[in-house]
Protein backbone atom coordinates (compact mmCIF):
# COMPACT_ATOMS: atom_id res chain seq x y z
CA UNK A 1 18.23 46.71 29.84
CA UNK A 2 17.21 44.11 32.00
CA UNK A 3 20.42 43.57 33.19
CA UNK A 4 20.87 46.78 34.18
CA UNK A 5 17.45 46.74 36.33
CA UNK A 6 18.41 44.15 38.30
CA UNK A 7 21.47 45.71 38.89
CA UNK A 8 19.75 48.60 39.91
CA UNK A 9 17.48 47.00 42.46
CA UNK A 10 20.07 44.96 44.01
CA UNK A 11 21.46 48.51 44.49
CA UNK A 12 18.86 50.10 45.96
CA UNK A 13 17.74 46.99 48.47
CA UNK A 14 21.51 47.51 50.30
CA UNK A 15 21.83 51.03 50.36
CA UNK A 16 17.68 51.45 52.03
CA UNK A 17 17.50 47.98 53.57
CA UNK A 18 20.48 45.95 54.46
CA UNK A 19 19.56 43.03 52.21
CA UNK A 20 22.53 41.38 49.73
CA UNK A 21 20.46 39.76 46.85
CA UNK A 22 22.78 38.80 43.78
CA UNK A 23 21.58 41.17 40.46
CA UNK A 24 20.68 37.70 38.21
CA UNK A 25 18.41 36.28 40.55
CA UNK A 26 15.76 39.09 40.68
CA UNK A 27 12.85 38.15 38.14
CA UNK A 28 11.32 40.27 35.90
CA UNK A 29 8.04 39.46 34.78
CA UNK A 30 5.75 40.81 31.79
CA UNK A 31 3.16 43.75 33.86
CA UNK A 32 -0.26 41.86 33.30
CA UNK A 33 -2.52 43.17 30.93
CA UNK A 34 -4.88 44.87 33.27
CA UNK A 35 -1.97 46.50 34.80
CA UNK A 36 -0.31 50.04 33.50
CA UNK A 37 3.22 49.13 32.69
CA UNK A 38 5.82 46.82 30.74
CA UNK A 39 7.55 45.33 33.90
CA UNK A 40 6.84 43.39 37.61
CA UNK A 41 9.09 43.23 40.43
CA UNK A 42 7.74 40.92 43.21
CA UNK A 43 8.60 42.93 46.20
CA UNK A 44 7.44 39.71 48.76
CA UNK A 45 11.24 37.95 48.84
CA UNK A 46 12.53 40.67 51.08
CA UNK A 47 9.64 41.86 52.88
CA UNK A 48 10.09 40.06 56.16
CA UNK A 49 13.70 40.90 55.77
CA UNK A 50 12.71 44.26 55.82
CA UNK A 51 10.06 45.27 57.80
CA UNK A 52 7.97 46.57 56.01
CA UNK A 53 4.65 46.31 54.37
CA UNK A 54 5.08 45.18 50.46
CA UNK A 55 3.53 48.43 49.05
CA UNK A 56 5.85 50.59 51.08
CA UNK A 57 8.96 48.51 50.07
CA UNK A 58 7.60 48.51 46.31
CA UNK A 59 7.22 52.08 46.47
CA UNK A 60 11.03 53.11 48.15
CA UNK A 61 12.41 50.71 45.14
CA UNK A 62 10.22 52.32 42.21
CA UNK A 63 11.47 56.15 43.31
CA UNK A 64 15.04 54.23 43.18
CA UNK A 65 14.92 53.67 40.51
CA UNK A 66 13.09 56.72 38.50
CA UNK A 67 16.30 58.46 40.09
CA UNK A 68 18.81 56.16 39.25
CA UNK A 69 18.02 55.29 35.27
CA UNK A 70 15.37 58.02 33.78
CA UNK A 71 16.54 57.25 30.64
CA UNK A 72 14.70 53.51 31.13
CA UNK A 73 12.06 54.03 33.64
CA UNK A 74 9.36 57.08 33.31
CA UNK A 75 7.39 56.03 36.29
CA UNK A 76 6.17 53.15 37.98
CA UNK A 77 2.63 52.45 40.40
CA UNK A 78 2.06 50.19 42.80
CA UNK A 79 -0.28 47.31 42.80
CA UNK A 80 0.06 45.42 46.15
CA UNK A 81 3.40 44.22 46.46
CA UNK A 82 4.05 44.49 42.80
CA UNK A 83 6.15 47.41 41.67
CA UNK A 84 4.87 47.74 38.22
CA UNK A 85 7.29 49.71 35.64
CA UNK A 86 6.29 52.09 32.73
CA UNK A 87 9.96 51.90 30.50
CA UNK A 88 10.65 55.25 28.39
CA UNK A 89 9.38 54.46 24.68
CA UNK A 90 13.02 55.64 23.27
CA UNK A 91 14.15 52.90 25.76
CA UNK A 92 12.03 49.88 24.13
CA UNK A 93 13.42 51.79 20.44
CA UNK A 94 16.78 51.21 21.57
CA UNK A 95 16.55 48.15 23.08
CA UNK A 96 15.09 46.85 19.17
CA UNK A 97 17.83 48.35 17.99
CA UNK A 98 20.38 46.34 19.99
CA UNK A 99 18.63 42.91 18.62
CA UNK A 100 18.36 44.13 15.31
CA UNK A 101 21.88 44.37 15.17
CA UNK A 102 22.66 41.84 17.03
CA UNK A 103 24.36 38.71 14.57
CA UNK A 104 23.51 36.16 16.55
CA UNK A 105 20.39 37.16 18.54
CA UNK A 106 18.77 34.78 21.09
CA UNK A 107 22.42 32.59 20.88
CA UNK A 108 25.39 32.29 23.51
CA UNK A 109 28.87 32.22 21.88
CA UNK A 110 30.06 29.02 22.43
CA UNK A 111 33.95 28.51 23.46
CA UNK A 112 36.79 26.60 24.21
CA UNK A 113 35.92 26.37 28.17
CA UNK A 114 31.84 25.41 27.43
CA UNK A 115 31.19 22.75 29.04
CA UNK A 116 30.78 19.87 26.27
CA UNK A 117 27.53 17.35 26.12
CA UNK A 118 27.05 14.57 24.57
CA UNK A 119 23.89 13.81 22.70
CA UNK A 120 23.01 10.07 21.72
CA UNK A 121 19.64 9.68 19.10
CA UNK A 122 18.31 7.67 16.30
CA UNK A 123 19.64 4.35 17.27
CA UNK A 124 18.78 2.25 14.66
CA UNK A 125 18.93 -1.11 14.50
CA UNK A 126 20.39 -2.84 10.60
CA UNK A 127 17.67 -5.08 10.67
CA UNK A 128 14.97 -3.00 9.13
CA UNK A 129 14.69 0.59 7.72
CA UNK A 130 13.64 3.81 10.10
CA UNK A 131 10.19 4.47 10.81
CA UNK A 132 7.92 6.97 12.31
CA UNK A 133 9.37 6.20 16.34
CA UNK A 134 12.85 7.12 14.82
CA UNK A 135 11.29 10.24 12.79
CA UNK A 136 10.19 11.11 16.43
CA UNK A 137 13.68 10.21 18.03
CA UNK A 138 16.02 11.77 15.79
CA UNK A 139 14.10 15.07 15.28
CA UNK A 140 14.03 15.47 19.51
CA UNK A 141 18.06 14.57 19.24
CA UNK A 142 18.89 16.90 16.57
CA UNK A 143 16.61 19.78 18.21
CA UNK A 144 18.17 19.23 21.89
CA UNK A 145 21.50 19.12 20.36
CA UNK A 146 21.07 23.09 18.49
CA UNK A 147 19.10 24.33 21.56
CA UNK A 148 21.97 22.96 23.88
CA UNK A 149 24.66 24.60 21.21
CA UNK A 150 22.48 28.06 21.34
CA UNK A 151 22.13 27.48 25.50
CA UNK A 152 26.58 27.77 25.08
CA UNK A 153 27.26 24.41 25.25
CA UNK A 154 29.66 22.69 22.90
CA UNK A 155 27.79 19.48 21.95
CA UNK A 156 29.01 16.44 20.25
CA UNK A 157 26.17 14.04 18.60
CA UNK A 158 26.32 10.92 18.19
CA UNK A 159 24.86 7.95 17.09
CA UNK A 160 25.14 3.82 18.27
CA UNK A 161 24.09 2.06 15.72
CA UNK A 162 22.74 -1.84 16.55
CA UNK A 163 24.30 -3.54 14.16
CA UNK A 164 24.61 -7.29 15.35
CA UNK A 165 22.67 -9.28 17.74
CA UNK A 166 19.56 -11.66 17.29
CA UNK A 167 17.54 -9.52 15.27
CA UNK A 168 20.47 -8.90 12.56
CA UNK A 169 20.99 -12.71 12.06
CA UNK A 170 17.48 -13.27 11.71
CA UNK A 171 17.66 -10.64 8.32
CA UNK A 172 20.90 -12.70 7.50
CA UNK A 173 19.58 -16.06 7.43
CA UNK A 174 16.61 -14.85 5.66
CA UNK A 175 18.19 -13.46 2.58
CA UNK A 176 20.23 -16.73 2.56
CA UNK A 177 17.23 -18.70 2.17
CA UNK A 178 14.77 -16.60 0.34
CA UNK A 179 16.83 -13.61 -1.28
CA UNK A 180 18.32 -15.36 -4.98
CA UNK A 181 21.36 -13.07 -4.63
CA UNK A 182 18.49 -10.28 -4.45
CA UNK A 183 20.38 -6.39 -3.94
CA UNK A 184 19.39 -2.52 -4.34
CA UNK A 185 20.42 -2.56 -7.73
CA UNK A 186 18.65 -5.40 -8.79
CA UNK A 187 15.65 -5.10 -7.07
CA UNK A 188 15.37 -0.94 -7.33
CA UNK A 189 14.66 -0.88 -3.06
CA UNK A 190 16.49 0.98 -0.88
CA UNK A 191 18.84 -0.89 1.25
CA UNK A 192 17.42 -0.55 4.39
CA UNK A 193 13.91 -1.67 2.86
CA UNK A 194 15.41 -4.12 0.88
CA UNK A 195 17.03 -6.02 4.33
CA UNK A 196 13.35 -4.92 5.86
CA UNK A 197 11.65 -7.06 3.86
CA UNK A 198 14.07 -10.55 5.32
CA UNK A 199 13.31 -9.50 8.00
CA UNK A 200 9.60 -10.13 7.68
CA UNK A 201 9.91 -13.17 5.62
CA UNK A 202 12.53 -14.81 8.53
CA UNK A 203 9.22 -13.53 11.24
CA UNK A 204 6.50 -15.11 8.77
CA UNK A 205 7.85 -18.39 8.08
CA UNK A 206 8.84 -18.97 12.04
CA UNK A 207 5.45 -18.20 13.23
CA UNK A 208 4.25 -21.08 10.63
CA UNK A 209 7.22 -22.89 12.26
CA UNK A 210 6.22 -22.39 14.99
CA UNK A 211 2.24 -23.00 14.28
CA UNK A 212 2.85 -26.27 13.04
CA UNK A 213 5.04 -27.56 16.65
CA UNK A 214 2.26 -26.30 18.11
CA UNK A 215 -0.17 -28.46 16.29
CA UNK A 216 2.24 -31.12 17.02
CA UNK A 217 1.38 -31.15 21.42
CA UNK A 218 4.47 -28.61 22.23
CA UNK A 219 3.50 -25.32 24.33
CA UNK A 220 3.61 -21.98 22.64
CA UNK A 221 7.30 -20.79 24.89
CA UNK A 222 8.96 -24.36 24.10
CA UNK A 223 7.80 -24.10 20.31
CA UNK A 224 9.17 -20.66 20.02
CA UNK A 225 12.59 -21.96 21.57
CA UNK A 226 12.64 -25.07 19.48
CA UNK A 227 11.70 -23.48 15.98
CA UNK A 228 14.47 -24.47 13.45
CA UNK A 229 14.50 -21.05 12.74
CA UNK A 230 15.29 -19.91 15.48
CA UNK A 231 17.85 -21.95 16.39
CA UNK A 232 20.45 -21.41 13.00
CA UNK A 233 19.17 -17.82 13.87
CA UNK A 234 21.13 -18.38 17.27
CA UNK A 235 24.03 -20.79 15.47
CA UNK A 236 25.01 -18.06 13.21
CA UNK A 237 25.07 -15.11 15.82
CA UNK A 238 27.89 -17.15 17.94
CA UNK A 239 29.21 -17.78 14.92
CA UNK A 240 29.57 -13.55 14.37
CA UNK A 241 30.06 -13.77 17.38
CA UNK A 242 33.69 -16.56 16.62
CA UNK A 243 34.72 -14.45 13.68
CA UNK A 244 33.24 -16.65 10.80
CA UNK A 245 34.25 -15.31 7.47
CA UNK A 246 31.41 -15.99 5.23
CA UNK A 247 28.36 -14.89 8.19
CA UNK A 248 30.51 -11.94 8.97
CA UNK A 249 31.21 -11.10 4.77
CA UNK A 250 27.59 -11.58 4.50
CA UNK A 251 27.22 -9.28 7.32
CA UNK A 252 29.59 -6.19 6.14
CA UNK A 253 27.86 -6.44 2.50
CA UNK A 254 24.37 -5.89 4.28
CA UNK A 255 24.73 -3.53 6.05
CA UNK A 256 26.25 -1.43 3.33
CA UNK A 257 23.33 -1.49 1.94
CA UNK A 258 21.23 -0.53 4.97
CA UNK A 259 23.85 2.24 5.84
CA UNK A 260 23.08 3.50 2.30
CA UNK A 261 19.55 3.63 3.02
CA UNK A 262 19.58 5.28 6.08
CA UNK A 263 21.85 8.08 4.67
CA UNK A 264 19.60 9.11 2.28
CA UNK A 265 16.59 8.81 5.04
CA UNK A 266 18.77 10.60 7.60
CA UNK A 267 19.70 13.73 4.59
CA UNK A 268 15.70 14.34 4.31
CA UNK A 269 15.37 14.61 7.80
CA UNK A 270 18.35 17.11 7.94
CA UNK A 271 19.93 14.59 10.76
CA UNK A 272 23.78 14.30 11.18
CA UNK A 273 25.81 12.99 13.66
CA UNK A 274 29.56 14.05 15.05
CA UNK A 275 30.44 10.36 15.63
CA UNK A 276 28.85 7.14 15.27
CA UNK A 277 29.78 4.27 16.92
CA UNK A 278 29.16 0.61 16.11
CA UNK A 279 27.72 -2.00 19.04
CA UNK A 280 30.04 -4.98 16.60
CA UNK A 281 33.20 -2.35 17.78
CA UNK A 282 31.41 -2.07 21.36
CA UNK A 283 30.30 -5.18 22.94
CA UNK A 284 33.22 -6.02 23.78
CA UNK A 285 35.00 -3.38 25.45
CA UNK A 286 31.39 -4.20 27.70
CA UNK A 287 32.15 -8.03 27.71
CA UNK A 288 35.34 -7.41 29.29
CA UNK A 289 34.37 -5.03 31.34
CA UNK A 290 31.52 -7.09 32.82
CA UNK A 291 34.72 -10.26 33.18
CA UNK A 292 36.48 -7.89 35.21
CA UNK A 293 33.25 -6.51 37.20
CA UNK A 294 32.94 -11.14 37.87
CA UNK A 295 36.42 -10.70 39.18
CA UNK A 296 35.89 -7.81 41.54
CA UNK A 297 32.74 -9.63 43.06
CA UNK A 298 30.63 -6.69 41.54
CA UNK A 299 29.03 -9.62 39.33
CA UNK A 300 27.76 -13.30 39.54
CA UNK A 301 27.66 -16.10 37.68
CA UNK A 302 25.05 -18.56 37.63
CA UNK A 303 25.19 -22.61 37.12
CA UNK A 304 24.26 -22.11 33.76
CA UNK A 305 27.05 -20.14 33.16
CA UNK A 306 24.83 -16.85 32.34
CA UNK A 307 26.13 -13.58 34.12
CA UNK A 308 23.70 -12.05 36.28
CA UNK A 309 24.23 -8.16 38.61
CA UNK A 310 22.09 -7.90 41.63
CA UNK A 311 20.00 -4.81 41.88
CA UNK A 312 18.27 -5.66 44.79
CA UNK A 313 20.07 -3.96 47.13
CA UNK A 314 18.54 -0.78 45.12
CA UNK A 315 15.08 -1.40 45.08
CA UNK A 316 15.21 -3.59 41.56
CA UNK A 317 16.01 -7.02 40.84
CA UNK A 318 18.48 -9.21 38.84
CA UNK A 319 19.91 -8.19 35.34
CA UNK A 320 20.95 -10.83 32.66
CA UNK A 321 24.71 -8.93 31.19
CA UNK A 322 25.89 -12.09 29.60
CA UNK A 323 23.90 -15.31 28.42
CA UNK A 324 25.03 -18.85 28.92
CA UNK A 325 26.72 -19.11 25.51
CA UNK A 326 28.92 -15.84 27.04
CA UNK A 327 27.14 -13.93 24.44
CA UNK A 328 26.18 -10.13 24.98
CA UNK A 329 23.40 -8.23 25.98
CA UNK A 330 22.06 -4.35 25.32
CA UNK A 331 23.23 -3.42 28.72
CA UNK A 332 26.82 -5.01 28.25
CA UNK A 333 26.91 -3.26 24.85
CA UNK A 334 25.80 -0.03 26.47
CA UNK A 335 28.29 0.32 29.53
CA UNK A 336 30.27 -0.81 26.36
CA UNK A 337 30.03 2.13 24.32
CA UNK A 338 29.62 4.36 27.43
CA UNK A 339 32.99 4.10 28.43
CA UNK A 340 34.44 4.36 24.56
CA UNK A 341 32.48 7.73 24.96
CA UNK A 342 34.50 8.83 28.05
CA UNK A 343 37.65 7.79 26.70
CA UNK A 344 37.01 9.64 23.40
CA UNK A 345 35.71 13.11 24.50
CA UNK A 346 35.49 15.26 28.05
CA UNK A 347 31.98 14.71 27.95
CA UNK A 348 30.59 17.13 31.23
CA UNK A 349 26.78 15.51 30.71
CA UNK A 350 25.69 13.12 28.76
CA UNK A 351 21.89 12.36 26.96
CA UNK A 352 20.43 9.43 25.82
CA UNK A 353 17.43 10.26 23.53
CA UNK A 354 15.29 6.74 23.84
CA UNK A 355 11.75 6.63 24.57
CA UNK A 356 10.30 5.81 28.35
CA UNK A 357 9.62 2.24 27.52
CA UNK A 358 13.31 1.90 28.26
CA UNK A 359 13.67 3.60 31.41
CA UNK A 360 14.31 1.01 33.59
CA UNK A 361 17.12 0.15 30.99
CA UNK A 362 18.80 4.07 31.67
CA UNK A 363 17.81 3.43 35.73
CA UNK A 364 19.84 -0.50 35.36
CA UNK A 365 23.02 1.52 33.42
CA UNK A 366 23.21 4.39 36.11
CA UNK A 367 23.83 2.07 38.57
CA UNK A 368 26.30 -0.78 36.76
CA UNK A 369 28.46 2.24 35.48
CA UNK A 370 29.05 4.03 39.19
CA UNK A 371 29.29 0.48 40.26
CA UNK A 372 31.80 -0.21 38.17
CA UNK A 373 33.83 3.27 39.07
CA UNK A 374 33.06 5.84 36.74
CA UNK A 375 32.18 8.34 38.34
CA UNK A 376 30.14 9.53 35.51
CA UNK A 377 27.69 7.39 36.33
CA UNK A 378 25.09 9.09 38.57
CA UNK A 379 24.81 11.73 36.11
CA UNK A 380 23.90 10.14 33.16
CA UNK A 381 20.76 11.86 31.40
CA UNK A 382 17.70 9.58 29.85
CA UNK A 383 15.78 12.02 27.84
CA UNK A 384 12.69 10.00 27.69
CA UNK A 385 9.76 10.44 24.99
CA UNK A 386 6.48 9.10 24.25
CA UNK A 387 4.95 6.76 21.68
CA UNK A 388 3.99 8.65 18.31
CA UNK A 389 1.36 7.40 16.03
CA UNK A 390 -1.13 8.11 13.08
CA UNK A 391 -4.93 7.94 12.74
CA UNK A 392 -5.54 4.41 11.93
CA UNK A 393 -5.14 3.03 8.07
CA UNK A 394 -2.96 6.09 7.09
CA UNK A 395 0.53 5.77 5.52
CA UNK A 396 0.51 2.05 6.70
CA UNK A 397 4.84 0.40 5.78
CA UNK A 398 5.85 -1.45 3.09
CA UNK A 399 5.92 -4.45 6.22
CA UNK A 400 2.18 -3.46 6.65
CA UNK A 401 2.44 -3.07 10.61
CA UNK A 402 4.56 0.35 11.50
CA UNK A 403 4.66 4.13 9.42
CA UNK A 404 7.95 3.95 7.33
CA UNK A 405 9.97 6.76 7.58
CA UNK A 406 10.54 7.34 3.95
CA UNK A 407 6.98 7.45 2.85
CA UNK A 408 6.00 9.20 5.50
CA UNK A 409 8.35 12.29 4.00
CA UNK A 410 7.71 11.64 1.10
CA UNK A 411 3.25 11.73 1.19
CA UNK A 412 4.24 15.30 3.49
CA UNK A 413 6.46 17.07 0.75
CA UNK A 414 3.20 15.64 -2.11
CA UNK A 415 0.69 17.13 0.84
CA UNK A 416 2.32 20.41 0.96
CA UNK A 417 2.23 20.55 -2.87
CA UNK A 418 -1.52 20.08 -3.24
CA UNK A 419 -2.37 22.36 -0.56
CA UNK A 420 -0.44 25.37 -1.85
CA UNK A 421 -1.98 24.22 -5.56
CA UNK A 422 -5.26 24.10 -4.00
CA UNK A 423 -4.62 28.08 -2.55
CA UNK A 424 -6.64 30.29 -4.29
CA UNK A 425 -3.34 32.71 -3.81
CA UNK A 426 -1.35 30.53 -4.77
CA UNK A 427 2.33 31.24 -6.31
CA UNK A 428 2.45 31.59 -10.10
CA UNK A 429 5.60 33.34 -11.03
CA UNK A 430 8.11 30.25 -9.71
CA UNK A 431 9.46 27.59 -11.44
CA UNK A 432 9.00 24.11 -11.01
CA UNK A 433 12.10 23.59 -9.37
CA UNK A 434 11.31 25.35 -7.28
CA UNK A 435 8.06 24.96 -6.21
CA UNK A 436 8.92 21.48 -5.19
CA UNK A 437 11.25 22.59 -2.98
CA UNK A 438 8.82 25.16 -1.27
CA UNK A 439 6.74 21.79 -1.28
CA UNK A 440 10.19 19.74 0.50
CA UNK A 441 10.51 22.61 3.33
CA UNK A 442 6.64 23.22 3.45
CA UNK A 443 5.86 19.87 3.95
CA UNK A 444 9.07 18.82 6.40
CA UNK A 445 8.26 21.77 8.30
CA UNK A 446 4.46 20.54 9.14
CA UNK A 447 6.11 17.26 10.21
CA UNK A 448 8.87 18.68 12.49
CA UNK A 449 7.19 21.12 14.06
CA UNK A 450 3.65 19.29 14.61
CA UNK A 451 6.38 16.45 16.45
CA UNK A 452 7.91 18.91 18.10
CA UNK A 453 5.80 21.30 19.41
CA UNK A 454 4.39 17.92 21.74
CA UNK A 455 5.69 17.70 25.25
CA UNK A 456 8.41 15.01 24.54
CA UNK A 457 7.07 13.00 27.66
CA UNK A 458 3.76 13.06 26.03
CA UNK A 459 1.98 10.25 23.83
CA UNK A 460 0.83 11.85 20.87
CA UNK A 461 -0.76 11.29 17.41
CA UNK A 462 0.19 11.91 14.79
CA UNK A 463 -2.33 13.51 11.98
CA UNK A 464 -0.56 14.87 8.64
CA UNK A 465 -3.83 17.24 7.50
CA UNK A 466 -3.84 18.78 11.10
CA UNK A 467 -0.18 19.56 10.20
CA UNK A 468 -0.53 21.12 6.74
CA UNK A 469 -2.55 23.16 7.95
CA UNK A 470 -1.92 27.54 7.09
CA UNK A 471 -3.72 27.97 10.01
CA UNK A 472 -3.30 27.78 13.96
CA UNK A 473 -0.72 26.36 15.51
CA UNK A 474 1.29 24.33 12.71
CA UNK A 475 4.69 24.85 11.06
CA UNK A 476 3.15 26.06 7.43
CA UNK A 477 1.50 29.20 9.62
CA UNK A 478 4.44 29.81 11.77
CA UNK A 479 6.54 29.68 7.37
CA UNK A 480 3.76 31.52 6.06
CA UNK A 481 4.04 34.72 8.57
CA UNK A 482 7.76 35.04 7.60
CA UNK A 483 7.50 34.54 4.52
CA UNK A 484 5.13 37.44 4.39
CA UNK A 485 7.13 39.43 6.18
CA UNK A 486 9.78 38.64 3.83
CA UNK A 487 7.70 40.05 0.81
CA UNK A 488 6.97 43.25 2.92
CA UNK A 489 10.77 43.53 3.01
CA UNK A 490 11.41 43.38 -0.56
CA UNK A 491 8.48 45.59 -1.28
CA UNK A 492 10.27 48.47 0.80
CA UNK A 493 13.92 47.49 -0.31
CA UNK A 494 15.25 50.83 -1.04
CA UNK A 495 14.41 51.35 2.94
CA UNK A 496 18.36 52.14 5.05
CA UNK A 497 17.05 49.70 7.94
CA UNK A 498 20.75 50.35 8.94
CA UNK A 499 19.59 53.88 9.92
CA UNK A 500 19.35 55.42 13.69
CA UNK A 501 15.14 55.32 14.41
CA UNK A 502 13.43 58.42 15.70
CA UNK A 503 9.88 57.23 15.92
CA UNK A 504 8.75 55.64 19.44
CA UNK A 505 7.07 52.25 19.24
CA UNK A 506 3.21 52.15 19.98
CA UNK A 507 1.74 49.10 23.00
CA UNK A 508 1.66 46.81 20.26
CA UNK A 509 4.98 47.47 19.09
CA UNK A 510 6.24 47.30 22.98
CA UNK A 511 5.25 44.23 23.42
CA UNK A 512 6.33 42.50 20.05
CA UNK A 513 9.94 43.44 21.44
CA UNK A 514 9.08 42.16 24.96
CA UNK A 515 8.16 38.52 23.05
CA UNK A 516 11.14 38.79 20.44
CA UNK A 517 13.69 40.33 23.42
CA UNK A 518 12.51 36.61 25.73
CA UNK A 519 14.10 34.40 23.44
CA UNK A 520 17.46 33.85 24.85
CA UNK A 521 15.46 33.50 28.19
CA UNK A 522 13.61 30.65 26.01
CA UNK A 523 16.68 29.05 24.45
CA UNK A 524 17.77 29.14 28.71
CA UNK A 525 15.14 27.53 29.98
CA UNK A 526 14.35 24.66 27.20
CA UNK A 527 18.01 23.86 27.61
CA UNK A 528 17.81 23.06 30.71
CA UNK A 529 14.46 21.37 30.55
CA UNK A 530 14.96 19.68 27.69
CA UNK A 531 11.86 20.93 26.50
CA UNK A 532 12.50 21.66 22.34
CA UNK A 533 8.37 22.37 23.16
CA UNK A 534 9.02 25.47 24.37
CA UNK A 535 11.24 26.78 21.63
CA UNK A 536 7.85 25.42 18.86
CA UNK A 537 5.09 27.21 21.23
CA UNK A 538 7.16 30.19 21.95
CA UNK A 539 7.68 30.56 17.04
CA UNK A 540 3.98 30.15 17.29
CA UNK A 541 2.71 32.89 19.97
CA UNK A 542 5.57 35.65 18.18
CA UNK A 543 4.13 34.35 14.57
CA UNK A 544 0.87 35.00 15.91
CA UNK A 545 1.48 38.56 17.32
CA UNK A 546 2.41 39.40 14.33
CA UNK A 547 -0.10 38.34 12.56
CA UNK A 548 -2.58 40.77 14.81
CA UNK A 549 -0.31 43.17 14.60
CA UNK A 550 -0.23 43.17 10.94
CA UNK A 551 -4.15 43.11 10.71
CA UNK A 552 -4.54 46.39 12.38
CA UNK A 553 -1.63 48.52 11.61
CA UNK A 554 0.39 49.58 7.97
CA UNK A 555 3.71 48.92 7.11
CA UNK A 556 4.39 50.65 3.85
CA UNK A 557 0.94 52.46 3.85
CA UNK A 558 2.21 54.22 6.57
CA UNK A 559 2.66 58.07 5.87
CA UNK A 560 5.22 58.90 8.11
CA UNK A 561 8.04 57.80 7.46
CA UNK A 562 10.16 57.47 10.33
CA UNK A 563 7.33 55.17 11.78
CA UNK A 564 7.61 53.27 8.65
CA UNK A 565 11.05 52.67 9.38
CA UNK A 566 10.66 51.65 12.62
CA UNK A 567 8.21 49.10 11.61
CA UNK A 568 10.16 47.93 8.51
CA UNK A 569 12.95 46.94 11.70
CA UNK A 570 10.42 45.13 13.57
CA UNK A 571 9.21 43.39 10.93
CA UNK A 572 12.86 42.19 9.89
CA UNK A 573 13.49 41.38 13.34
CA UNK A 574 10.48 39.64 14.34
CA UNK A 575 11.40 37.59 11.12
CA UNK A 576 15.25 37.04 12.15
CA UNK A 577 13.70 36.26 15.56
CA UNK A 578 11.18 33.63 14.07
CA UNK A 579 13.68 31.77 11.49
CA UNK A 580 16.40 31.33 14.40
CA UNK A 581 14.10 29.50 16.46
CA UNK A 582 12.15 27.29 13.37
CA UNK A 583 16.00 27.23 12.69
CA UNK A 584 16.85 25.67 16.94
CA UNK A 585 13.82 22.89 15.30
CA UNK A 586 15.61 21.69 12.30
CA UNK A 587 12.67 23.87 10.64
CA UNK A 588 13.94 26.02 7.34
CA UNK A 589 12.54 28.83 6.17
CA UNK A 590 11.01 29.87 2.92
CA UNK A 591 11.14 33.24 1.17
CA UNK A 592 7.62 33.06 -0.37
CA UNK A 593 4.88 31.02 -0.34
């Protein structure tokens, strides 16, 4: 319907005023509530070329539309330069049926010719478990991938695992010194938590060494550099890069423990990847590329043997690419990873989901890749997001410094179960397994929605108690709306929702149909803006409008059978639209709550 109206306007502009206007670029807005109408066209963009008054143009276009498509536009009114169209009731019914019959409403089909978008997210270190920051990263990355695909793009989800470097050696060294052969099996701990404990142990003993050296008169910076533990960790890193057999064997075993732990957390979060890269496999590619750039005069070697990039011509400073001992830094690794990815996939767009503290890093990476001659260097997208924190004192991790992802997931599910048990109208005719599954769906929905509804660029405070509320702008409120509709439909299971609709929608129902019809535009806009929050807010607004409708209108008790059928079709379409919108955020919907 929208496309037909756009084309009719374009035809009218051409025939009446000689103005060529692409139909797809003509914008239709929902008419403001204080005016009669459903859709509004703003005439101001063309009045100068037509040399007519805005109101006169509105009337001329209105007459043309009524004449060209009377089955759709019944009448119009003009307010200043705004042309308000009143759409025929039958057109809205047809619109509802079309959306209801659409197998994948709101999403654009993906073909072999669709642009290929690669999205990197998660990027964990193998020296500690995932924490709250990783939760936001994974949820944003997963949502962004689903939205890009719904917008018609082919998507490759990738993860780069930071499995090498000084931080990894710290955990390895601590396990050798104080682990006494501990394994996930002997301790009963997830592998990532076990290794994280030794990373903390290293830091504890390292701080004690630094304190002792400072007590002997050494300044803090020198003490941190000269501490025996740090020296040993650096020696281990050099041995790792030289391929030392024992160091590599320990590294491989400990990483396997961590990966098994990560997989459990990813499963709980509903996160998956199409391709995983490991820095241990990409850093050598980056080192060789840097050395090639050095020979070409793109970089410079300092007196101590380190290699640097001079970015002063770009308004930045100098950037270290290789340390004096020849070991790599993150920038070098990212150069190598980028090369391998573009070799593996014909990527049209590369998106990095990384916190805003790394904005400088990706600015530099883009410049360096471009300088090295990779044409895609300037086109990298850094999907930058803010910090996420919890209220003080709540759900602190085992380490005592960050919020552990596994603890957070478990607590959210437990809170959802407790909230359900406290409700007066709680479900009683379900098994323990069903109750546990509903608690999981609701708890994870609360966590995901609360994080994703916030503009990713902003820092946010995650409040578990507020997120689990069944009222207001929360995941459980939207999930409950879906479950409520599903309950209505179960009670009307004998109604044929595929039958021809003869009843006309009322004003409130037209507003709901218009809201449903916005989903494709919302998906495209959120994909263009890299904005999962737009999907979340759309789902909430639709759920809120339905609940107001449900309060004011009878559905199952409606006496007119034709009206009742139309309303059930509307309910079913709303439920499916909510499920689609939440699904783009990685949120499941329960059939009952």
